[in-house]
PDB file of N, CA and C in Angstrom:
ATOM      1  N   MET A   1       0.860  -1.181   0.041  1.00  0.00           N
ATOM      2  CA  MET A   1      -0.027   0.031   0.019  1.00  0.00           C
ATOM      3  C   MET A   1       0.874   1.219   0.017  1.00  0.00           C
ATOM      4  N   GLU A   2       0.598   2.147  -0.874  1.00  0.00           N
ATOM      5  CA  GLU A   2       1.381   3.400  -1.080  1.00  0.00           C
ATOM      6  C   GLU A   2       0.593   4.518  -0.747  1.00  0.00           C
ATOM      7  N   LEU A   3       1.192   5.422   0.032  1.00  0.00           N
ATOM      8  CA  LEU A   3       0.601   6.610   0.480  1.00  0.00           C
ATOM      9  C   LEU A   3       0.664   7.688  -0.697  1.00  0.00           C
ATOM     10  N   PRO A   4      -0.502   8.419  -0.971  1.00  0.00           N
ATOM     11  CA  PRO A   4      -0.442   9.430  -1.970  1.00  0.00           C
ATOM     12  C   PRO A   4       0.412  10.509  -1.452  1.00  0.00           C
ATOM     13  N   ILE A   5       1.145  11.261  -2.370  1.00  0.00           N
ATOM     14  CA  ILE A   5       2.057  12.296  -1.928  1.00  0.00           C
ATOM     15  C   ILE A   5       1.263  13.442  -1.229  1.00  0.00           C
ATOM     16  N   SER A   6      -0.031  13.691  -1.647  1.00  0.00           N
ATOM     17  CA  SER A   6      -0.749  14.766  -1.026  1.00  0.00           C
ATOM     18  C   SER A   6      -1.009  14.437   0.506  1.00  0.00           C
ATOM     19  N   HIS A   7      -1.162  13.122   0.848  1.00  0.00           N
ATOM     20  CA  HIS A   7      -1.307  12.800   2.259  1.00  0.00           C
ATOM     21  C   HIS A   7      -0.033  13.020   3.061  1.00  0.00           C
ATOM     22  N   ILE A   8       1.047  12.710   2.509  1.00  0.00           N
ATOM     23  CA  ILE A   8       2.473  12.948   3.064  1.00  0.00           C
ATOM     24  C   ILE A   8       2.688  14.411   3.222  1.00  0.00           C
ATOM     25  N   LEU A   9       2.263  15.216   2.270  1.00  0.00           N
ATOM     26  CA  LEU A   9       2.376  16.669   2.388  1.00  0.00           C
ATOM     27  C   LEU A   9       1.482  17.178   3.399  1.00  0.00           C
ATOM     28  N   LEU A  10       0.284  16.749   3.517  1.00  0.00           N
ATOM     29  CA  LEU A  10      -0.676  17.252   4.579  1.00  0.00           C
ATOM     30  C   LEU A  10      -0.090  16.771   5.981  1.00  0.00           C
ATOM     31  N   ALA A  11       0.458  15.636   6.143  1.00  0.00           N
ATOM     32  CA  ALA A  11       0.932  15.266   7.422  1.00  0.00           C
ATOM     33  C   ALA A  11       2.201  16.135   7.796  1.00  0.00           C
ATOM     34  N   THR A  12       3.020  16.373   6.819  1.00  0.00           N
ATOM     35  CA  THR A  12       4.238  17.277   7.033  1.00  0.00           C
ATOM     36  C   THR A  12       3.806  18.588   7.376  1.00  0.00           C
ATOM     37  N   GLY A  13       2.845  19.127   6.636  1.00  0.00           N
ATOM     38  CA  GLY A  13       2.400  20.526   7.023  1.00  0.00           C
ATOM     39  C   GLY A  13       1.759  20.697   8.370  1.00  0.00           C
ATOM     40  N   PHE A  14       0.925  19.795   8.697  1.00  0.00           N
ATOM     41  CA  PHE A  14       0.340  19.912  10.070  1.00  0.00           C
ATOM     42  C   PHE A  14       1.345  19.606  11.164  1.00  0.00           C
ATOM     43  N   THR A  15       2.344  18.754  10.909  1.00  0.00           N
ATOM     44  CA  THR A  15       3.365  18.517  11.816  1.00  0.00           C
ATOM     45  C   THR A  15       4.196  19.829  12.076  1.00  0.00           C
ATOM     46  N   LEU A  16       4.584  20.428  11.047  1.00  0.00           N
ATOM     47  CA  LEU A  16       5.220  21.770  11.102  1.00  0.00           C
ATOM     48  C   LEU A  16       4.387  22.788  11.842  1.00  0.00           C
ATOM     49  N   VAL A  17       3.025  22.829  11.640  1.00  0.00           N
ATOM     50  CA  VAL A  17       2.162  23.791  12.391  1.00  0.00           C
ATOM     51  C   VAL A  17       2.257  23.462  13.884  1.00  0.00           C
ATOM     52  N   LEU A  18       2.163  22.158  14.181  1.00  0.00           N
ATOM     53  CA  LEU A  18       2.123  21.750  15.624  1.00  0.00           C
ATOM     54  C   LEU A  18       3.494  22.079  16.239  1.00  0.00           C
ATOM     55  N   ILE A  19       4.601  21.841  15.554  1.00  0.00           N
ATOM     56  CA  ILE A  19       5.984  22.186  16.134  1.00  0.00           C
ATOM     57  C   ILE A  19       6.056  23.742  16.345  1.00  0.00           C
ATOM     58  N   GLY A  20       5.461  24.520  15.376  1.00  0.00           N
ATOM     59  CA  GLY A  20       5.516  25.996  15.570  1.00  0.00           C
ATOM     60  C   GLY A  20       4.696  26.428  16.746  1.00  0.00           C
ATOM     61  N   PHE A  21       3.563  25.831  16.965  1.00  0.00           N
ATOM     62  CA  PHE A  21       2.684  26.215  18.103  1.00  0.00           C
ATOM     63  C   PHE A  21       3.470  25.802  19.371  1.00  0.00           C
ATOM     64  N   TRP A  22       4.197  24.613  19.365  1.00  0.00           N
ATOM     65  CA  TRP A  22       4.883  24.245  20.618  1.00  0.00           C
ATOM     66  C   TRP A  22       6.009  25.247  20.789  1.00  0.00           C
ATOM     67  N   GLY A  23       6.601  25.727  19.799  1.00  0.00           N
ATOM     68  CA  GLY A  23       7.785  26.631  19.797  1.00  0.00           C
ATOM     69  C   GLY A  23       7.265  27.944  20.524  1.00  0.00           C
ATOM     70  N   ILE A  24       6.039  28.384  20.065  1.00  0.00           N
ATOM     71  CA  ILE A  24       5.504  29.606  20.565  1.00  0.00           C
ATOM     72  C   ILE A  24       5.126  29.568  21.953  1.00  0.00           C
ATOM     73  N   LEU A  25       4.491  28.426  22.294  1.00  0.00           N
ATOM     74  CA  LEU A  25       3.852  28.358  23.681  1.00  0.00           C
ATOM     75  C   LEU A  25       4.983  27.901  24.765  1.00  0.00           C
ATOM     76  N   LYS A  26       5.984  27.130  24.284  1.00  0.00           N
ATOM     77  CA  LYS A  26       6.965  26.601  25.294  1.00  0.00           C
ATOM     78  C   LYS A  26       8.023  27.568  25.593  1.00  0.00           C
ATOM     79  N   HIS A  27       8.520  28.287  24.615  1.00  0.00           N
ATOM     80  CA  HIS A  27       9.719  29.074  24.824  1.00  0.00           C
ATOM     81  C   HIS A  27       9.416  30.456  25.247  1.00  0.00           C
ATOM     82  N   ARG A  28      10.372  31.035  25.892  1.00  0.00           N
ATOM     83  CA  ARG A  28      10.260  32.564  26.384  1.00  0.00           C
ATOM     84  C   ARG A  28      11.135  33.415  25.677  1.00  0.00           C
ATOM     85  N   ASN A  29      12.003  32.905  24.732  1.00  0.00           N
ATOM     86  CA  ASN A  29      12.983  33.720  23.931  1.00  0.00           C
ATOM     87  C   ASN A  29      12.153  34.175  22.658  1.00  0.00           C
ATOM     88  N   ILE A  30      12.333  35.520  22.395  1.00  0.00           N
ATOM     89  CA  ILE A  30      11.599  36.057  21.328  1.00  0.00           C
ATOM     90  C   ILE A  30      12.065  35.525  20.007  1.00  0.00           C
ATOM     91  N   LEU A  31      13.337  35.226  19.809  1.00  0.00           N
ATOM     92  CA  LEU A  31      13.800  34.583  18.568  1.00  0.00           C
ATOM     93  C   LEU A  31      13.155  33.237  18.369  1.00  0.00           C
ATOM     94  N   ARG A  32      13.140  32.443  19.305  1.00  0.00           N
ATOM     95  CA  ARG A  32      12.410  31.115  19.222  1.00  0.00           C
ATOM     96  C   ARG A  32      10.926  31.265  18.901  1.00  0.00           C
ATOM     97  N   ILE A  33      10.340  32.299  19.513  1.00  0.00           N
ATOM     98  CA  ILE A  33       8.919  32.472  19.111  1.00  0.00           C
ATOM     99  C   ILE A  33       8.771  32.873  17.678  1.00  0.00           C
ATOM    100  N   ILE A  34       9.592  33.737  17.135  1.00  0.00           N
ATOM    101  CA  ILE A  34       9.659  34.150  15.744  1.00  0.00           C
ATOM    102  C   ILE A  34       9.854  32.830  14.844  1.00  0.00           C
ATOM    103  N   ILE A  35      10.762  32.028  15.275  1.00  0.00           N
ATOM    104  CA  ILE A  35      10.972  30.776  14.462  1.00  0.00           C
ATOM    105  C   ILE A  35       9.715  29.920  14.496  1.00  0.00           C
ATOM    106  N   GLY A  36       8.968  29.896  15.659  1.00  0.00           N
ATOM    107  CA  GLY A  36       7.713  29.180  15.698  1.00  0.00           C
ATOM    108  C   GLY A  36       6.752  29.723  14.767  1.00  0.00           C
ATOM    109  N   PHE A  37       6.651  31.036  14.668  1.00  0.00           N
ATOM    110  CA  PHE A  37       5.663  31.640  13.740  1.00  0.00           C
ATOM    111  C   PHE A  37       6.033  31.305  12.250  1.00  0.00           C
ATOM    112  N   SER A  38       7.329  31.332  11.962  1.00  0.00           N
ATOM    113  CA  SER A  38       7.797  30.938  10.656  1.00  0.00           C
ATOM    114  C   SER A  38       7.550  29.481  10.275  1.00  0.00           C
ATOM    115  N   LEU A  39       7.557  28.588  11.268  1.00  0.00           N
ATOM    116  CA  LEU A  39       7.276  27.182  11.032  1.00  0.00           C
ATOM    117  C   LEU A  39       5.756  26.960  10.841  1.00  0.00           C
ATOM    118  N   ILE A  40       4.957  27.762  11.479  1.00  0.00           N
ATOM    119  CA  ILE A  40       3.450  27.702  11.280  1.00  0.00           C
ATOM    120  C   ILE A  40       3.205  28.163   9.862  1.00  0.00           C
ATOM    121  N   ASP A  41       3.837  29.254   9.446  1.00  0.00           N
ATOM    122  CA  ASP A  41       3.690  29.793   8.177  1.00  0.00           C
ATOM    123  C   ASP A  41       3.980  28.827   7.061  1.00  0.00           C
ATOM    124  N   THR A  42       5.238  28.153   7.213  1.00  0.00           N
ATOM    125  CA  THR A  42       5.606  27.191   6.272  1.00  0.00           C
ATOM    126  C   THR A  42       4.771  26.002   6.241  1.00  0.00           C
ATOM    127  N   GLY A  43       4.303  25.539   7.354  1.00  0.00           N
ATOM    128  CA  GLY A  43       3.353  24.402   7.427  1.00  0.00           C
ATOM    129  C   GLY A  43       2.112  24.666   6.749  1.00  0.00           C
ATOM    130  N   MET A  44       1.559  25.882   6.897  1.00  0.00           N
ATOM    131  CA  MET A  44       0.369  26.249   6.236  1.00  0.00           C
ATOM    132  C   MET A  44       0.499  26.334   4.669  1.00  0.00           C
ATOM    133  N   HIS A  45       1.729  26.702   4.283  1.00  0.00           N
ATOM    134  CA  HIS A  45       2.041  26.763   2.800  1.00  0.00           C
ATOM    135  C   HIS A  45       1.966  25.317   2.332  1.00  0.00           C
ATOM    136  N   ILE A  46       2.588  24.372   3.020  1.00  0.00           N
ATOM    137  CA  ILE A  46       2.641  23.109   2.578  1.00  0.00           C
ATOM    138  C   ILE A  46       1.179  22.487   2.457  1.00  0.00           C
ATOM    139  N   VAL A  47       0.322  22.714   3.494  1.00  0.00           N
ATOM    140  CA  VAL A  47      -1.052  22.285   3.492  1.00  0.00           C
ATOM    141  C   VAL A  47      -1.736  22.897   2.387  1.00  0.00           C
ATOM    142  N   LEU A  48      -1.670  24.080   2.047  1.00  0.00           N
ATOM    143  CA  LEU A  48      -2.306  24.729   0.966  1.00  0.00           C
ATOM    144  C   LEU A  48      -1.959  24.018  -0.377  1.00  0.00           C
ATOM    145  N   VAL A  49      -0.681  23.804  -0.606  1.00  0.00           N
ATOM    146  CA  VAL A  49      -0.183  23.239  -1.793  1.00  0.00           C
ATOM    147  C   VAL A  49      -0.760  21.747  -1.974  1.00  0.00           C
ATOM    148  N   ALA A  50      -0.782  21.058  -0.771  1.00  0.00           N
ATOM    149  CA  ALA A  50      -1.192  19.720  -0.845  1.00  0.00           C
ATOM    150  C   ALA A  50      -2.714  19.582  -1.192  1.00  0.00           C
ATOM    151  N   THR A  51      -3.497  20.638  -0.813  1.00  0.00           N
ATOM    152  CA  THR A  51      -4.871  20.580  -1.184  1.00  0.00           C
ATOM    153  C   THR A  51      -5.121  20.708  -2.672  1.00  0.00           C
ATOM    154  N   GLY A  52      -4.239  21.338  -3.319  1.00  0.00           N
ATOM    155  CA  GLY A  52      -4.467  21.549  -4.821  1.00  0.00           C
ATOM    156  C   GLY A  52      -3.768  20.516  -5.664  1.00  0.00           C
ATOM    157  N   TYR A  53      -2.928  19.676  -5.048  1.00  0.00           N
ATOM    158  CA  TYR A  53      -2.148  18.695  -5.768  1.00  0.00           C
ATOM    159  C   TYR A  53      -3.061  17.575  -6.231  1.00  0.00           C
ATOM    160  N   VAL A  54      -2.857  17.135  -7.447  1.00  0.00           N
ATOM    161  CA  VAL A  54      -3.557  15.946  -8.076  1.00  0.00           C
ATOM    162  C   VAL A  54      -2.465  15.005  -8.554  1.00  0.00           C
ATOM    163  N   THR A  55      -2.486  13.789  -8.028  1.00  0.00           N
ATOM    164  CA  THR A  55      -1.416  12.735  -8.462  1.00  0.00           C
ATOM    165  C   THR A  55      -1.695  12.434  -9.863  1.00  0.00           C
ATOM    166  N   GLY A  56      -0.562  12.534 -10.729  1.00  0.00           N
ATOM    167  CA  GLY A  56      -0.601  12.357 -12.062  1.00  0.00           C
ATOM    168  C   GLY A  56      -1.312  13.424 -12.806  1.00  0.00           C
ATOM    169  N   GLY A  57      -1.421  14.618 -12.141  1.00  0.00           N
ATOM    170  CA  GLY A  57      -2.123  15.766 -12.806  1.00  0.00           C
ATOM    171  C   GLY A  57      -1.342  16.542 -13.655  1.00  0.00           C
ATOM    172  N   THR A  58      -1.909  17.516 -14.413  1.00  0.00           N
ATOM    173  CA  THR A  58      -1.168  18.339 -15.282  1.00  0.00           C
ATOM    174  C   THR A  58      -1.704  19.748 -15.206  1.00  0.00           C
ATOM    175  N   ALA A  59      -1.158  20.633 -15.887  1.00  0.00           N
ATOM    176  CA  ALA A  59      -1.468  22.117 -15.875  1.00  0.00           C
ATOM    177  C   ALA A  59      -2.905  22.136 -16.466  1.00  0.00           C
ATOM    178  N   PRO A  60      -3.751  23.080 -15.888  1.00  0.00           N
ATOM    179  CA  PRO A  60      -5.177  23.221 -16.366  1.00  0.00           C
ATOM    180  C   PRO A  60      -5.278  23.902 -17.658  1.00  0.00           C
ATOM    181  N   ILE A  61      -4.696  23.409 -18.731  1.00  0.00           N
ATOM    182  CA  ILE A  61      -4.687  24.001 -19.991  1.00  0.00           C
ATOM    183  C   ILE A  61      -5.372  22.933 -20.938  1.00  0.00           C
ATOM    184  N   ILE A  62      -6.477  23.244 -21.534  1.00  0.00           N
ATOM    185  CA  ILE A  62      -7.244  22.254 -22.443  1.00  0.00           C
ATOM    186  C   ILE A  62      -6.581  22.294 -23.715  1.00  0.00           C
ATOM    187  N   ASP A  63      -5.846  21.225 -24.088  1.00  0.00           N
ATOM    188  CA  ASP A  63      -5.226  21.045 -25.357  1.00  0.00           C
ATOM    189  C   ASP A  63      -5.194  19.611 -25.745  1.00  0.00           C
ATOM    190  N   GLU A  64      -4.211  19.143 -26.678  1.00  0.00           N
ATOM    191  CA  GLU A  64      -4.198  17.763 -26.956  1.00  0.00           C
ATOM    192  C   GLU A  64      -3.676  16.929 -25.821  1.00  0.00           C
ATOM    193  N   ALA A  65      -2.968  17.477 -24.889  1.00  0.00           N
ATOM    194  CA  ALA A  65      -2.433  16.715 -23.713  1.00  0.00           C
ATOM    195  C   ALA A  65      -3.567  16.486 -22.766  1.00  0.00           C
ATOM    196  N   LEU A  66      -4.484  17.310 -22.550  1.00  0.00           N
ATOM    197  CA  LEU A  66      -5.627  17.294 -21.659  1.00  0.00           C
ATOM    198  C   LEU A  66      -6.862  17.578 -22.339  1.00  0.00           C
ATOM    199  N   GLU A  67      -7.650  16.519 -22.371  1.00  0.00           N
ATOM    200  CA  GLU A  67      -9.043  16.572 -23.026  1.00  0.00           C
ATOM    201  C   GLU A  67     -10.006  17.188 -22.060  1.00  0.00           C
ATOM    202  N   LYS A  68     -11.108  17.762 -22.613  1.00  0.00           N
ATOM    203  CA  LYS A  68     -12.109  18.295 -21.732  1.00  0.00           C
ATOM    204  C   LYS A  68     -12.709  17.363 -20.783  1.00  0.00           C
ATOM    205  N   ALA A  69     -12.811  16.090 -21.229  1.00  0.00           N
ATOM    206  CA  ALA A  69     -13.465  14.984 -20.359  1.00  0.00           C
ATOM    207  C   ALA A  69     -12.556  14.649 -19.233  1.00  0.00           C
ATOM    208  N   ASP A  70     -11.182  14.842 -19.396  1.00  0.00           N
ATOM    209  CA  ASP A  70     -10.293  14.380 -18.343  1.00  0.00           C
ATOM    210  C   ASP A  70      -9.896  15.655 -17.481  1.00  0.00           C
ATOM    211  N   ALA A  71     -10.344  16.869 -17.866  1.00  0.00           N
ATOM    212  CA  ALA A  71     -10.010  18.063 -17.143  1.00  0.00           C
ATOM    213  C   ALA A  71     -10.327  18.042 -15.616  1.00  0.00           C
ATOM    214  N   VAL A  72     -11.496  17.574 -15.265  1.00  0.00           N
ATOM    215  CA  VAL A  72     -11.943  17.602 -13.918  1.00  0.00           C
ATOM    216  C   VAL A  72     -11.000  16.578 -13.088  1.00  0.00           C
ATOM    217  N   ARG A  73     -10.660  15.457 -13.681  1.00  0.00           N
ATOM    218  CA  ARG A  73      -9.858  14.491 -12.942  1.00  0.00           C
ATOM    219  C   ARG A  73      -8.422  14.754 -12.876  1.00  0.00           C
ATOM    220  N   ARG A  74      -7.792  15.284 -13.976  1.00  0.00           N
ATOM    221  CA  ARG A  74      -6.333  15.419 -14.025  1.00  0.00           C
ATOM    222  C   ARG A  74      -5.824  16.826 -13.965  1.00  0.00           C
ATOM    223  N   ALA A  75      -6.614  17.918 -14.036  1.00  0.00           N
ATOM    224  CA  ALA A  75      -6.059  19.284 -13.936  1.00  0.00           C
ATOM    225  C   ALA A  75      -5.779  19.576 -12.429  1.00  0.00           C
ATOM    226  N   VAL A  76      -4.562  20.239 -12.357  1.00  0.00           N
ATOM    227  CA  VAL A  76      -4.142  20.707 -10.999  1.00  0.00           C
ATOM    228  C   VAL A  76      -4.754  21.995 -10.772  1.00  0.00           C
ATOM    229  N   ASP A  77      -5.276  22.206  -9.530  1.00  0.00           N
ATOM    230  CA  ASP A  77      -5.883  23.577  -9.311  1.00  0.00           C
ATOM    231  C   ASP A  77      -4.757  24.556  -9.044  1.00  0.00           C
ATOM    232  N   PRO A  78      -4.600  25.616  -9.771  1.00  0.00           N
ATOM    233  CA  PRO A  78      -3.607  26.619  -9.659  1.00  0.00           C
ATOM    234  C   PRO A  78      -3.802  27.617  -8.562  1.00  0.00           C
ATOM    235  N   ILE A  79      -5.007  27.688  -8.032  1.00  0.00           N
ATOM    236  CA  ILE A  79      -5.280  28.731  -7.020  1.00  0.00           C
ATOM    237  C   ILE A  79      -4.492  28.558  -5.700  1.00  0.00           C
ATOM    238  N   PRO A  80      -4.425  27.372  -5.184  1.00  0.00           N
ATOM    239  CA  PRO A  80      -3.613  27.234  -3.963  1.00  0.00           C
ATOM    240  C   PRO A  80      -2.157  27.608  -4.168  1.00  0.00           C
ATOM    241  N   SER A  81      -1.590  27.220  -5.351  1.00  0.00           N
ATOM    242  CA  SER A  81      -0.193  27.644  -5.591  1.00  0.00           C
ATOM    243  C   SER A  81      -0.033  29.159  -5.686  1.00  0.00           C
ATOM    244  N   ALA A  82      -0.925  29.866  -6.356  1.00  0.00           N
ATOM    245  CA  ALA A  82      -0.908  31.202  -6.444  1.00  0.00           C
ATOM    246  C   ALA A  82      -1.123  31.881  -5.067  1.00  0.00           C
ATOM    247  N   LEU A  83      -1.979  31.360  -4.253  1.00  0.00           N
ATOM    248  CA  LEU A  83      -2.069  31.903  -2.917  1.00  0.00           C
ATOM    249  C   LEU A  83      -0.846  31.674  -2.077  1.00  0.00           C
ATOM    250  N   VAL A  84      -0.159  30.572  -2.199  1.00  0.00           N
ATOM    251  CA  VAL A  84       1.077  30.275  -1.506  1.00  0.00           C
ATOM    252  C   VAL A  84       2.221  31.207  -1.906  1.00  0.00           C
ATOM    253  N   VAL A  85       2.290  31.588  -3.059  1.00  0.00           N
ATOM    254  CA  VAL A  85       3.281  32.553  -3.546  1.00  0.00           C
ATOM    255  C   VAL A  85       3.026  33.913  -2.892  1.00  0.00           C
ATOM    256  N   THR A  86       1.753  34.254  -2.853  1.00  0.00           N
ATOM    257  CA  THR A  86       1.523  35.543  -2.206  1.00  0.00           C
ATOM    258  C   THR A  86       1.806  35.370  -0.595  1.00  0.00           C
ATOM    259  N   ALA A  87       1.441  34.319  -0.108  1.00  0.00           N
ATOM    260  CA  ALA A  87       1.574  34.118   1.326  1.00  0.00           C
ATOM    261  C   ALA A  87       3.062  34.019   1.772  1.00  0.00           C
ATOM    262  N   ILE A  88       3.954  33.466   0.836  1.00  0.00           N
ATOM    263  CA  ILE A  88       5.377  33.470   1.102  1.00  0.00           C
ATOM    264  C   ILE A  88       5.926  34.933   1.164  1.00  0.00           C
ATOM    265  N   VAL A  89       5.521  35.758   0.304  1.00  0.00           N
ATOM    266  CA  VAL A  89       5.940  37.156   0.325  1.00  0.00           C
ATOM    267  C   VAL A  89       5.535  37.817   1.589  1.00  0.00           C
ATOM    268  N   ILE A  90       4.155  37.645   1.981  1.00  0.00           N
ATOM    269  CA  ILE A  90       3.642  38.232   3.105  1.00  0.00           C
ATOM    270  C   ILE A  90       4.291  37.656   4.463  1.00  0.00           C
ATOM    271  N   GLY A  91       4.612  36.415   4.415  1.00  0.00           N
ATOM    272  CA  GLY A  91       5.291  35.824   5.610  1.00  0.00           C
ATOM    273  C   GLY A  91       6.753  36.317   5.771  1.00  0.00           C
ATOM    274  N   PHE A  92       7.463  36.559   4.670  1.00  0.00           N
ATOM    275  CA  PHE A  92       8.740  37.105   4.781  1.00  0.00           C
ATOM    276  C   PHE A  92       8.702  38.551   5.346  1.00  0.00           C
ATOM    277  N   SER A  93       7.710  39.314   4.879  1.00  0.00           N
ATOM    278  CA  SER A  93       7.577  40.653   5.452  1.00  0.00           C
ATOM    279  C   SER A  93       7.193  40.550   6.989  1.00  0.00           C
ATOM    280  N   VAL A  94       6.309  39.776   7.334  1.00  0.00           N
ATOM    281  CA  VAL A  94       5.941  39.746   8.753  1.00  0.00           C
ATOM    282  C   VAL A  94       7.162  39.248   9.557  1.00  0.00           C
ATOM    283  N   THR A  95       7.825  38.261   9.119  1.00  0.00           N
ATOM    284  CA  THR A  95       9.132  37.804   9.807  1.00  0.00           C
ATOM    285  C   THR A  95      10.067  38.995   9.901  1.00  0.00           C
ATOM    286  N   ALA A  96      10.315  39.752   8.869  1.00  0.00           N
ATOM    287  CA  ALA A  96      11.313  40.827   8.953  1.00  0.00           C
ATOM    288  C   ALA A  96      10.862  41.880   9.992  1.00  0.00           C
ATOM    289  N   ILE A  97       9.561  42.137   9.967  1.00  0.00           N
ATOM    290  CA  ILE A  97       8.978  43.136  11.005  1.00  0.00           C
ATOM    291  C   ILE A  97       9.245  42.583  12.395  1.00  0.00           C
ATOM    292  N   MET A  98       8.949  41.300  12.688  1.00  0.00           N
ATOM    293  CA  MET A  98       9.145  40.782  13.968  1.00  0.00           C
ATOM    294  C   MET A  98      10.579  40.731  14.342  1.00  0.00           C
ATOM    295  N   LEU A  99      11.521  40.443  13.407  1.00  0.00           N
ATOM    296  CA  LEU A  99      12.916  40.517  13.766  1.00  0.00           C
ATOM    297  C   LEU A  99      13.343  41.920  13.996  1.00  0.00           C
ATOM    298  N   SER A 100      12.841  42.835  13.264  1.00  0.00           N
ATOM    299  CA  SER A 100      13.272  44.265  13.558  1.00  0.00           C
ATOM    300  C   SER A 100      12.709  44.724  15.001  1.00  0.00           C
ATOM    301  N   PHE A 101      11.557  44.277  15.353  1.00  0.00           N
ATOM    302  CA  PHE A 101      11.119  44.560  16.752  1.00  0.00           C
ATOM    303  C   PHE A 101      11.973  43.809  17.705  1.00  0.00           C
ATOM    304  N   ALA A 102      12.375  42.675  17.477  1.00  0.00           N
ATOM    305  CA  ALA A 102      13.286  41.953  18.363  1.00  0.00           C
ATOM    306  C   ALA A 102      14.649  42.670  18.559  1.00  0.00           C
ATOM    307  N   ILE A 103      15.158  43.104  17.414  1.00  0.00           N
ATOM    308  CA  ILE A 103      16.368  43.963  17.505  1.00  0.00           C
ATOM    309  C   ILE A 103      16.175  45.184  18.408  1.00  0.00           C
ATOM    310  N   ARG A 104      15.150  45.863  18.112  1.00  0.00           N
ATOM    311  CA  ARG A 104      14.947  47.129  18.947  1.00  0.00           C
ATOM    312  C   ARG A 104      14.763  46.746  20.393  1.00  0.00           C
ATOM    313  N   LEU A 105      13.982  45.673  20.752  1.00  0.00           N
ATOM    314  CA  LEU A 105      13.869  45.320  22.124  1.00  0.00           C
ATOM    315  C   LEU A 105      15.187  44.905  22.783  1.00  0.00           C
ATOM    316  N   HIS A 106      16.031  44.202  21.992  1.00  0.00           N
ATOM    317  CA  HIS A 106      17.383  43.857  22.536  1.00  0.00           C
ATOM    318  C   HIS A 106      18.238  45.089  22.689  1.00  0.00           C
ATOM    319  N   GLU A 107      18.078  46.070  21.857  1.00  0.00           N
ATOM    320  CA  GLU A 107      18.838  47.238  21.992  1.00  0.00           C
ATOM    321  C   GLU A 107      18.490  48.032  23.256  1.00  0.00           C
ATOM    322  N   THR A 108      17.286  48.070  23.533  1.00  0.00           N
ATOM    323  CA  THR A 108      16.707  48.858  24.662  1.00  0.00           C
ATOM    324  C   THR A 108      16.726  48.122  26.011  1.00  0.00           C
ATOM    325  N   ARG A 109      16.466  46.851  25.945  1.00  0.00           N
ATOM    326  CA  ARG A 109      16.368  46.070  27.238  1.00  0.00           C
ATOM    327  C   ARG A 109      17.570  45.131  27.428  1.00  0.00           C
ATOM    328  N   LYS A 110      18.416  44.884  26.352  1.00  0.00           N
ATOM    329  CA  LYS A 110      19.564  43.945  26.569  1.00  0.00           C
ATOM    330  C   LYS A 110      19.209  42.483  26.878  1.00  0.00           C
ATOM    331  N   THR A 111      18.015  42.163  26.477  1.00  0.00           N
ATOM    332  CA  THR A 111      17.517  40.765  26.649  1.00  0.00           C
ATOM    333  C   THR A 111      16.486  40.428  25.624  1.00  0.00           C
ATOM    334  N   LEU A 112      16.291  39.183  25.354  1.00  0.00           N
ATOM    335  CA  LEU A 112      15.387  38.693  24.434  1.00  0.00           C
ATOM    336  C   LEU A 112      14.294  37.880  25.040  1.00  0.00           C
ATOM    337  N   SER A 113      14.316  37.873  26.372  1.00  0.00           N
ATOM    338  CA  SER A 113      13.204  37.120  27.175  1.00  0.00           C
ATOM    339  C   SER A 113      11.928  37.859  27.285  1.00  0.00           C
ATOM    340  N   ILE A 114      10.833  37.309  26.986  1.00  0.00           N
ATOM    341  CA  ILE A 114       9.585  37.997  27.116  1.00  0.00           C
ATOM    342  C   ILE A 114       9.182  38.209  28.543  1.00  0.00           C
ATOM    343  N   ASP A 115       9.930  37.560  29.481  1.00  0.00           N
ATOM    344  CA  ASP A 115       9.661  37.648  30.888  1.00  0.00           C
ATOM    345  C   ASP A 115      10.041  39.079  31.439  1.00  0.00           C
ATOM    346  N   ALA A 116      11.060  39.606  30.672  1.00  0.00           N
ATOM    347  CA  ALA A 116      11.627  41.007  31.032  1.00  0.00           C
ATOM    348  C   ALA A 116      10.667  42.094  30.632  1.00  0.00           C
ATOM    349  N   LEU A 117       9.687  41.754  29.817  1.00  0.00           N
ATOM    350  CA  LEU A 117       8.712  42.797  29.304  1.00  0.00           C
ATOM    351  C   LEU A 117       7.454  42.803  30.063  1.00  0.00           C
ATOM    352  N   THR A 118       7.563  43.017  31.299  1.00  0.00           N
ATOM    353  CA  THR A 118       6.347  42.945  32.171  1.00  0.00           C
ATOM    354  C   THR A 118       5.518  44.183  32.087  1.00  0.00           C
ATOM    355  N   GLU A 119       5.991  45.318  31.830  1.00  0.00           N
ATOM    356  CA  GLU A 119       5.180  46.588  32.016  1.00  0.00           C
ATOM    357  C   GLU A 119       4.113  46.643  30.872  1.00  0.00           C
ATOM    358  N   SER A 120       4.156  45.827  29.852  1.00  0.00           N
ATOM    359  CA  SER A 120       3.249  45.979  28.755  1.00  0.00           C
ATOM    360  C   SER A 120       2.026  44.919  28.990  1.00  0.00           C
ATOM    361  N   LYS A 121       2.019  44.151  30.116  1.00  0.00           N
ATOM    362  CA  LYS A 121       1.000  43.156  30.460  1.00  0.00           C
ATOM    363  C   LYS A 121      -0.103  44.037  31.108  1.00  0.00           C
ATOM    364  N   TRP A 122      -1.265  43.559  31.049  1.00  0.00           N
ATOM    365  CA  TRP A 122      -2.495  44.177  31.740  1.00  0.00           C
ATOM    366  C   TRP A 122      -2.862  43.378  32.851  1.00  0.00           C
TER     367      TRP A 122
END
């Protein structure tokens, strides 16, 4: 019995999301929390690509390689891939902003522990 690649991708993506949540909730260092956010971001990208993947599929272009009758079964959905490309750019931007805040916090407080930032709690 062979597992389809989409199931392997889904399992990998959800595993990365869980590791990212564990990194965010377990660690007190800001850099490790940022890495957790990046893992969640990457895991969600993999899950989105896995939802649009079709085993043995081809590009959704109706021509001699892909007949109209086979289009529903064999065409790969391009929307998840397009969304992931956009999400990658947004994820890099969010990570850059989080890292810039971490640098500013380290410059002012000389630590990266969120335990030292108690005055912003309510």
